[in-house]
Amino acid sequence: MAVPTNLTPMTCDVFRPFGAGSPTYSNVPCRLLSDFPRGRTAAGTPAEWTHILVLDPSADVRDGCTRTAGASGIVYADGDEVRVPGGASTPRFVVVWVEIVDPGTPREFKRAYLMRHQA
């Protein structure tokens, strides 16, 4: 099921890989939310994410996180680059993590955790 259009009032462009010269997908419906306080693991530590992007479950947005077999630690790498609003040159965000929320239900959607990129 698609996310209702009133919940995705803007669009974004997705670049793969991060820093690509042209978008892989343009005008993807989305909703950008600031989430800096929750993106910090503890006081005094760097943020793990600064924003959340709500997307339709069919949107192709990818993170760059991996895990080595037998280890519990996550290795963070650059995922896709997202520019909000679509068609803009800034601001730029790197996709840190992507999750599917309420899978298999009529409320299913994707949530992408983003880190704002400063060039």
Protein backbone atom coordinates (compact mmCIF):
# COMPACT_ATOMS: atom_id res chain seq x y z
CA MET A 1 0.00 0.00 0.00
CA ALA A 2 1.27 3.47 -0.83
CA VAL A 3 1.85 6.10 1.85
CA PRO A 4 -1.01 8.65 1.61
CA THR A 5 0.09 11.75 -0.30
CA ASN A 6 -0.80 14.05 2.61
CA LEU A 7 1.91 12.27 4.63
CA THR A 8 4.54 12.77 1.90
CA PRO A 9 4.25 16.48 1.10
CA MET A 10 7.62 16.82 -0.65
CA THR A 11 9.95 14.90 -2.94
CA CYS A 12 13.58 13.87 -2.84
CA ASP A 13 16.21 12.72 -5.31
CA VAL A 14 18.22 9.55 -4.61
CA PHE A 15 21.84 9.31 -5.80
CA ARG A 16 23.66 5.97 -5.92
CA PRO A 17 26.44 5.81 -4.94
CA PHE A 18 26.80 8.76 -2.59
CA GLY A 19 28.22 11.67 -4.57
CA ALA A 20 27.04 10.42 -7.98
CA GLY A 21 26.74 13.11 -10.65
CA SER A 22 23.10 12.45 -11.47
CA PRO A 23 20.16 11.03 -9.52
CA THR A 24 19.25 7.35 -9.72
CA TYR A 25 15.64 8.27 -8.84
CA SER A 26 14.04 11.71 -9.03
CA ASN A 27 10.98 13.21 -7.36
CA VAL A 28 10.46 10.34 -4.89
CA PRO A 29 7.54 11.26 -2.56
CA CYS A 30 8.76 11.65 1.02
CA ARG A 31 8.48 13.47 4.31
CA LEU A 32 11.59 14.81 6.05
CA LEU A 33 11.60 15.05 9.84
CA SER A 34 14.31 16.47 12.07
CA ASP A 35 15.34 13.90 14.71
CA PHE A 36 18.68 15.10 16.09
CA PRO A 37 17.95 14.53 19.81
CA ARG A 38 17.00 10.86 19.28
CA GLY A 39 19.94 10.36 16.88
CA ARG A 40 22.44 10.63 19.70
CA THR A 41 23.31 7.51 21.69
CA ALA A 42 24.45 9.42 24.80
CA ALA A 43 25.25 12.95 25.88
CA GLY A 44 28.56 14.11 24.45
CA THR A 45 28.69 11.49 21.68
CA PRO A 46 28.43 12.31 17.99
CA ALA A 47 25.03 11.92 16.39
CA GLU A 48 24.32 8.70 14.50
CA TRP A 49 21.59 10.41 12.49
CA THR A 50 20.11 13.89 12.22
CA HIS A 51 16.88 13.36 10.27
CA ILE A 52 14.31 10.71 9.35
CA LEU A 53 12.81 10.30 5.90
CA VAL A 54 9.40 8.62 5.56
CA LEU A 55 8.95 6.87 2.20
CA ASP A 56 6.59 4.60 0.34
CA PRO A 57 7.52 0.92 0.91
CA SER A 58 8.35 0.55 -2.80
CA ALA A 59 10.98 3.33 -2.73
CA ASP A 60 14.47 2.03 -3.53
CA VAL A 61 16.66 3.71 -0.90
CA ARG A 62 19.66 1.82 0.48
CA ASP A 63 21.96 2.13 3.48
CA GLY A 64 25.61 1.08 3.56
CA CYS A 65 25.71 -0.78 6.89
CA THR A 66 27.25 -4.23 7.11
CA ARG A 67 28.24 -6.78 9.74
CA THR A 68 31.09 -9.26 9.68
CA ALA A 69 30.13 -12.90 10.26
CA GLY A 70 30.54 -13.85 13.90
CA ALA A 71 30.72 -10.23 15.09
CA SER A 72 28.00 -8.15 16.66
CA GLY A 73 29.35 -4.73 15.65
CA ILE A 74 27.90 -2.77 12.77
CA VAL A 75 30.21 -1.16 10.24
CA TYR A 76 28.82 2.11 8.90
CA ALA A 77 29.58 3.13 5.32
CA ASP A 78 28.01 5.65 2.98
CA GLY A 79 24.64 4.53 1.71
CA ASP A 80 22.68 6.42 -0.91
CA GLU A 81 22.73 10.19 -1.04
CA VAL A 82 19.36 11.91 -0.67
CA ARG A 83 18.65 15.52 -1.57
CA VAL A 84 15.52 17.13 -0.19
CA PRO A 85 13.60 18.74 -1.81
CA GLY A 86 13.85 16.95 -5.15
CA GLY A 87 15.69 18.98 -7.77
CA ALA A 88 17.76 20.89 -5.21
CA SER A 89 21.53 20.80 -4.94
CA THR A 90 21.43 21.10 -1.13
CA PRO A 91 20.84 20.01 1.55
CA ARG A 92 22.49 16.64 1.07
CA PHE A 93 22.04 13.63 3.37
CA VAL A 94 23.70 10.20 3.57
CA VAL A 95 21.43 7.22 4.30
CA VAL A 96 22.62 5.62 7.54
CA TRP A 97 19.95 2.96 8.02
CA VAL A 98 16.69 1.89 6.36
CA GLU A 99 13.91 -0.06 8.03
CA ILE A 100 10.47 -1.25 6.99
CA VAL A 101 7.81 -0.26 9.49
CA ASP A 102 4.63 -2.37 9.97
CA PRO A 103 5.58 -4.88 7.22
CA GLY A 104 2.72 -6.75 5.58
CA THR A 105 0.07 -4.40 6.91
CA PRO A 106 -1.86 -1.61 5.20
CA ARG A 107 0.27 0.84 7.22
CA GLU A 108 3.61 -0.41 5.82
CA PHE A 109 6.22 2.25 5.00
CA LYS A 110 9.98 2.76 4.93
CA ARG A 111 11.87 4.88 7.42
CA ALA A 112 15.36 6.02 6.41
CA TYR A 113 17.69 7.44 9.03
CA LEU A 114 19.83 10.21 7.55
CA MET A 115 22.96 12.16 8.48
CA ARG A 116 23.17 15.66 7.08
CA HIS A 117 26.26 16.09 4.90
CA GLN A 118 28.22 19.31 4.93
CA ALA A 119 30.61 19.71 2.01
